[in-house]
Amino acid sequence: MTYEQMKNMLDNYNWDDGFKLPKRIISDANCDLAMALEIFYLADGYGYFQTFSHNTGGTKVWFCFIGKLCYDIENGKYIKSEHHYTIPLSKVQRYQLRKKNIPEVYLADV
């Protein structure tokens, strides 16, 4: 898939349909850091940061999906490219997550 095709499918995706399409996109060789972070936040990545230490809220399937995506992001599977993504967090949310030692990759625009 081209980056534009992935972006278009993601923009029109109904997340109530599960994780089949997002898994397909993050497995694609054209998926970069901007796309991976967008999928992370669309999949309620902020909620994950609020709940992961308590393992509450969300389904087991969601925890598996978001946990693997976090692992891949933090371990450099996705590289920066010419594509950009603005992290959808306020200054206060970023500050609060930094206090929780959330990696900067989730807090800085790419």
N, C-alpha and C. Protein backbone atom coordinates (compact mmCIF):
# COMPACT_ATOMS: atom_id res chain seq x y z
N MET A 1 0.85 -1.18 0.00
CA MET A 1 0.00 0.00 0.00
C MET A 1 0.89 1.24 0.00
N THR A 2 0.39 2.28 -0.65
CA THR A 2 1.11 3.54 -0.57
C THR A 2 0.74 4.23 0.73
N TYR A 3 1.55 5.19 1.12
CA TYR A 3 1.27 5.95 2.34
C TYR A 3 -0.09 6.64 2.22
N GLU A 4 -0.36 7.20 1.07
CA GLU A 4 -1.62 7.91 0.85
C GLU A 4 -2.81 6.97 0.96
N GLN A 5 -2.68 5.76 0.45
CA GLN A 5 -3.76 4.77 0.58
C GLN A 5 -3.99 4.42 2.05
N MET A 6 -2.90 4.20 2.77
CA MET A 6 -3.04 3.87 4.20
C MET A 6 -3.71 5.02 4.95
N LYS A 7 -3.28 6.24 4.66
CA LYS A 7 -3.84 7.42 5.33
C LYS A 7 -5.32 7.55 5.02
N ASN A 8 -5.70 7.36 3.78
CA ASN A 8 -7.10 7.46 3.37
C ASN A 8 -7.95 6.39 4.06
N MET A 9 -7.46 5.17 4.08
CA MET A 9 -8.21 4.08 4.75
C MET A 9 -8.34 4.37 6.24
N LEU A 10 -7.29 4.86 6.85
CA LEU A 10 -7.31 5.17 8.27
C LEU A 10 -8.28 6.32 8.57
N ASP A 11 -8.28 7.33 7.72
CA ASP A 11 -9.18 8.47 7.91
C ASP A 11 -10.65 8.06 7.83
N ASN A 12 -10.94 7.01 7.09
CA ASN A 12 -12.32 6.56 6.91
C ASN A 12 -12.67 5.32 7.73
N TYR A 13 -11.78 4.92 8.61
CA TYR A 13 -11.95 3.67 9.34
C TYR A 13 -12.90 3.82 10.52
N ASN A 14 -13.76 2.84 10.69
CA ASN A 14 -14.66 2.77 11.84
C ASN A 14 -14.00 1.87 12.88
N TRP A 15 -13.54 2.45 13.96
CA TRP A 15 -12.80 1.68 14.98
C TRP A 15 -13.66 0.64 15.68
N ASP A 16 -14.97 0.71 15.51
CA ASP A 16 -15.84 -0.33 16.06
C ASP A 16 -15.67 -1.64 15.30
N ASP A 17 -14.99 -1.60 14.16
CA ASP A 17 -14.76 -2.80 13.35
C ASP A 17 -13.56 -3.61 13.83
N GLY A 18 -12.91 -3.17 14.88
CA GLY A 18 -11.78 -3.93 15.42
C GLY A 18 -10.44 -3.41 14.95
N PHE A 19 -9.44 -4.30 14.97
CA PHE A 19 -8.07 -3.88 14.72
C PHE A 19 -7.45 -4.48 13.46
N LYS A 20 -8.26 -5.12 12.63
CA LYS A 20 -7.71 -5.78 11.44
C LYS A 20 -7.00 -4.78 10.52
N LEU A 21 -7.66 -3.68 10.17
CA LEU A 21 -7.04 -2.70 9.28
C LEU A 21 -5.85 -2.00 9.96
N PRO A 22 -5.99 -1.52 11.20
CA PRO A 22 -4.81 -0.89 11.83
C PRO A 22 -3.61 -1.85 11.92
N LYS A 23 -3.85 -3.12 12.20
CA LYS A 23 -2.75 -4.09 12.24
C LYS A 23 -2.10 -4.22 10.86
N ARG A 24 -2.93 -4.22 9.85
CA ARG A 24 -2.41 -4.32 8.48
C ARG A 24 -1.54 -3.11 8.15
N ILE A 25 -1.98 -1.93 8.55
CA ILE A 25 -1.24 -0.71 8.26
C ILE A 25 0.09 -0.69 9.01
N ILE A 26 0.08 -1.01 10.31
CA ILE A 26 1.34 -0.93 11.06
C ILE A 26 2.31 -2.04 10.67
N SER A 27 1.83 -3.05 9.97
CA SER A 27 2.70 -4.11 9.47
C SER A 27 3.28 -3.78 8.10
N ASP A 28 2.74 -2.78 7.44
CA ASP A 28 3.18 -2.41 6.10
C ASP A 28 4.54 -1.73 6.14
N ALA A 29 5.37 -2.04 5.17
CA ALA A 29 6.72 -1.45 5.10
C ALA A 29 6.69 0.06 4.94
N ASN A 30 5.59 0.62 4.43
CA ASN A 30 5.49 2.07 4.24
C ASN A 30 5.00 2.80 5.48
N CYS A 31 4.70 2.08 6.54
CA CYS A 31 4.24 2.72 7.78
C CYS A 31 5.45 3.35 8.48
N ASP A 32 5.37 4.64 8.71
CA ASP A 32 6.46 5.35 9.37
C ASP A 32 6.04 5.76 10.79
N LEU A 33 6.91 6.52 11.45
CA LEU A 33 6.63 6.92 12.83
C LEU A 33 5.39 7.80 12.92
N ALA A 34 5.21 8.71 11.98
CA ALA A 34 4.04 9.58 12.01
C ALA A 34 2.74 8.76 11.93
N MET A 35 2.70 7.80 11.04
CA MET A 35 1.51 6.95 10.88
C MET A 35 1.30 6.08 12.13
N ALA A 36 2.37 5.50 12.66
CA ALA A 36 2.26 4.67 13.85
C ALA A 36 1.74 5.46 15.04
N LEU A 37 2.22 6.69 15.20
CA LEU A 37 1.74 7.53 16.30
C LEU A 37 0.29 7.94 16.09
N GLU A 38 -0.09 8.21 14.86
CA GLU A 38 -1.48 8.54 14.59
C GLU A 38 -2.38 7.37 14.95
N ILE A 39 -2.00 6.18 14.57
CA ILE A 39 -2.79 4.99 14.91
C ILE A 39 -2.83 4.81 16.42
N PHE A 40 -1.69 5.01 17.07
CA PHE A 40 -1.65 4.90 18.53
C PHE A 40 -2.67 5.83 19.19
N TYR A 41 -2.69 7.09 18.79
CA TYR A 41 -3.62 8.03 19.41
C TYR A 41 -5.06 7.80 18.97
N LEU A 42 -5.29 7.38 17.73
CA LEU A 42 -6.66 7.06 17.29
C LEU A 42 -7.20 5.84 18.05
N ALA A 43 -6.30 4.96 18.46
CA ALA A 43 -6.70 3.76 19.20
C ALA A 43 -6.76 4.03 20.71
N ASP A 44 -6.86 5.30 21.07
CA ASP A 44 -6.94 5.75 22.46
C ASP A 44 -5.64 5.51 23.23
N GLY A 45 -4.55 5.91 22.60
CA GLY A 45 -3.25 5.82 23.25
C GLY A 45 -3.18 6.62 24.53
N TYR A 46 -3.85 7.78 24.54
CA TYR A 46 -3.85 8.58 25.77
C TYR A 46 -4.53 7.81 26.90
N GLY A 47 -5.61 7.15 26.58
CA GLY A 47 -6.29 6.31 27.57
C GLY A 47 -5.40 5.19 28.07
N TYR A 48 -4.58 4.66 27.18
CA TYR A 48 -3.64 3.62 27.58
C TYR A 48 -2.67 4.14 28.63
N PHE A 49 -2.17 5.36 28.43
CA PHE A 49 -1.26 5.93 29.41
C PHE A 49 -1.94 6.13 30.76
N GLN A 50 -3.24 6.36 30.73
CA GLN A 50 -3.97 6.56 31.97
C GLN A 50 -4.29 5.24 32.68
N THR A 51 -4.32 4.14 31.93
CA THR A 51 -4.79 2.88 32.51
C THR A 51 -3.76 1.78 32.59
N PHE A 52 -2.63 1.87 31.86
CA PHE A 52 -1.75 0.70 31.76
C PHE A 52 -1.19 0.27 33.10
N SER A 53 -0.96 1.20 34.00
CA SER A 53 -0.40 0.81 35.29
C SER A 53 -1.43 0.08 36.15
N HIS A 54 -2.69 0.25 35.84
CA HIS A 54 -3.75 -0.40 36.60
C HIS A 54 -4.39 -1.57 35.85
N ASN A 55 -4.09 -1.69 34.53
CA ASN A 55 -4.67 -2.71 33.68
C ASN A 55 -6.20 -2.69 33.76
N THR A 56 -6.75 -1.50 33.74
CA THR A 56 -8.21 -1.34 33.78
C THR A 56 -8.67 -0.58 32.56
N GLY A 57 -9.93 -0.70 32.23
CA GLY A 57 -10.49 0.01 31.09
C GLY A 57 -9.94 -0.57 29.80
N GLY A 58 -10.77 -0.88 28.89
CA GLY A 58 -10.30 -1.46 27.64
C GLY A 58 -10.39 -2.97 27.67
N THR A 59 -10.37 -3.54 26.49
CA THR A 59 -10.48 -4.99 26.36
C THR A 59 -9.09 -5.62 26.29
N LYS A 60 -9.06 -6.92 26.44
CA LYS A 60 -7.79 -7.64 26.31
C LYS A 60 -7.21 -7.47 24.91
N VAL A 61 -8.07 -7.50 23.90
CA VAL A 61 -7.63 -7.33 22.52
C VAL A 61 -7.00 -5.95 22.34
N TRP A 62 -7.63 -4.93 22.92
CA TRP A 62 -7.11 -3.57 22.84
C TRP A 62 -5.75 -3.48 23.53
N PHE A 63 -5.64 -4.03 24.74
CA PHE A 63 -4.37 -4.00 25.46
C PHE A 63 -3.27 -4.69 24.66
N CYS A 64 -3.58 -5.80 24.04
CA CYS A 64 -2.58 -6.51 23.23
C CYS A 64 -2.16 -5.67 22.04
N PHE A 65 -3.13 -5.08 21.34
CA PHE A 65 -2.83 -4.25 20.18
C PHE A 65 -1.99 -3.04 20.57
N ILE A 66 -2.44 -2.29 21.55
CA ILE A 66 -1.76 -1.05 21.91
C ILE A 66 -0.41 -1.33 22.57
N GLY A 67 -0.33 -2.41 23.33
CA GLY A 67 0.93 -2.78 23.96
C GLY A 67 2.00 -3.14 22.94
N LYS A 68 1.62 -3.91 21.93
CA LYS A 68 2.58 -4.27 20.88
C LYS A 68 2.99 -3.04 20.08
N LEU A 69 2.03 -2.17 19.78
CA LEU A 69 2.35 -0.96 19.05
C LEU A 69 3.32 -0.09 19.85
N CYS A 70 3.10 0.04 21.13
CA CYS A 70 4.02 0.80 22.00
C CYS A 70 5.42 0.19 21.95
N TYR A 71 5.49 -1.11 22.07
CA TYR A 71 6.78 -1.79 22.03
C TYR A 71 7.51 -1.47 20.72
N ASP A 72 6.79 -1.57 19.61
CA ASP A 72 7.41 -1.32 18.30
C ASP A 72 7.84 0.14 18.15
N ILE A 73 7.02 1.07 18.62
CA ILE A 73 7.37 2.49 18.54
C ILE A 73 8.62 2.77 19.37
N GLU A 74 8.63 2.28 20.59
CA GLU A 74 9.74 2.56 21.50
C GLU A 74 11.03 1.86 21.10
N ASN A 75 10.94 0.81 20.33
CA ASN A 75 12.13 0.07 19.92
C ASN A 75 12.57 0.38 18.49
N GLY A 76 12.04 1.48 17.93
CA GLY A 76 12.54 1.99 16.66
C GLY A 76 12.10 1.27 15.41
N LYS A 77 11.01 0.52 15.48
CA LYS A 77 10.52 -0.15 14.27
C LYS A 77 10.11 0.86 13.20
N TYR A 78 9.55 1.96 13.64
CA TYR A 78 9.05 2.97 12.71
C TYR A 78 10.02 4.15 12.68
N ILE A 79 10.37 4.56 11.48
CA ILE A 79 11.35 5.64 11.35
C ILE A 79 10.66 6.95 10.97
N LYS A 80 11.33 8.05 11.28
CA LYS A 80 10.83 9.36 10.87
C LYS A 80 10.99 9.48 9.36
N SER A 81 10.06 10.18 8.76
CA SER A 81 10.11 10.40 7.31
C SER A 81 9.68 11.83 7.03
N GLU A 82 9.33 12.10 5.80
CA GLU A 82 8.88 13.44 5.44
C GLU A 82 7.45 13.71 5.90
N HIS A 83 6.76 12.67 6.36
CA HIS A 83 5.38 12.83 6.85
C HIS A 83 5.40 13.35 8.28
N HIS A 84 4.37 14.13 8.60
CA HIS A 84 4.31 14.76 9.91
C HIS A 84 3.04 14.36 10.65
N TYR A 85 3.14 14.39 11.97
CA TYR A 85 1.97 14.14 12.81
C TYR A 85 2.08 15.06 14.03
N THR A 86 0.99 15.75 14.32
CA THR A 86 0.94 16.61 15.49
C THR A 86 0.26 15.84 16.62
N ILE A 87 0.99 15.66 17.69
CA ILE A 87 0.47 14.91 18.84
C ILE A 87 -0.75 15.65 19.39
N PRO A 88 -1.89 14.96 19.56
CA PRO A 88 -3.13 15.63 19.96
C PRO A 88 -3.28 15.79 21.48
N LEU A 89 -2.26 16.39 22.09
CA LEU A 89 -2.29 16.59 23.53
C LEU A 89 -2.11 18.06 23.86
N SER A 90 -2.73 18.49 24.94
CA SER A 90 -2.53 19.86 25.41
C SER A 90 -1.20 19.95 26.15
N LYS A 91 -0.78 21.15 26.44
CA LYS A 91 0.46 21.34 27.21
C LYS A 91 0.34 20.68 28.58
N VAL A 92 -0.82 20.78 29.18
CA VAL A 92 -1.03 20.18 30.50
C VAL A 92 -0.94 18.65 30.42
N GLN A 93 -1.56 18.07 29.40
CA GLN A 93 -1.50 16.61 29.24
C GLN A 93 -0.06 16.15 29.01
N ARG A 94 0.68 16.88 28.20
CA ARG A 94 2.09 16.54 27.96
C ARG A 94 2.88 16.61 29.26
N TYR A 95 2.65 17.67 30.03
CA TYR A 95 3.34 17.85 31.31
C TYR A 95 3.03 16.68 32.25
N GLN A 96 1.77 16.32 32.34
CA GLN A 96 1.37 15.22 33.23
C GLN A 96 2.00 13.91 32.80
N LEU A 97 2.07 13.65 31.50
CA LEU A 97 2.68 12.41 31.02
C LEU A 97 4.19 12.42 31.23
N ARG A 98 4.82 13.57 31.08
CA ARG A 98 6.26 13.64 31.36
C ARG A 98 6.53 13.32 32.82
N LYS A 99 5.65 13.76 33.71
CA LYS A 99 5.81 13.45 35.14
C LYS A 99 5.70 11.95 35.39
N LYS A 100 4.98 11.24 34.51
CA LYS A 100 4.84 9.79 34.62
C LYS A 100 5.95 9.05 33.87
N ASN A 101 6.93 9.81 33.35
CA ASN A 101 8.05 9.25 32.60
C ASN A 101 7.65 8.54 31.31
N ILE A 102 6.61 9.05 30.67
CA ILE A 102 6.21 8.52 29.37
C ILE A 102 7.28 8.95 28.36
N PRO A 103 7.75 8.05 27.51
CA PRO A 103 8.80 8.40 26.54
C PRO A 103 8.43 9.60 25.67
N GLU A 104 9.40 10.41 25.38
CA GLU A 104 9.21 11.65 24.62
C GLU A 104 8.66 11.40 23.22
N VAL A 105 8.88 10.23 22.66
CA VAL A 105 8.39 9.94 21.32
C VAL A 105 6.87 10.11 21.24
N TYR A 106 6.16 9.93 22.35
CA TYR A 106 4.70 10.06 22.37
C TYR A 106 4.25 11.50 22.62
N LEU A 107 5.20 12.38 22.94
CA LEU A 107 4.86 13.72 23.38
C LEU A 107 5.30 14.81 22.43
N ALA A 108 6.21 14.51 21.52
CA ALA A 108 6.75 15.51 20.61
C ALA A 108 6.23 15.28 19.20
N ASP A 109 5.81 16.35 18.56
CA ASP A 109 5.34 16.25 17.18
C ASP A 109 6.45 15.71 16.28
N VAL A 110 6.07 14.93 15.28
CA VAL A 110 7.05 14.42 14.32
C VAL A 110 6.69 14.90 12.93
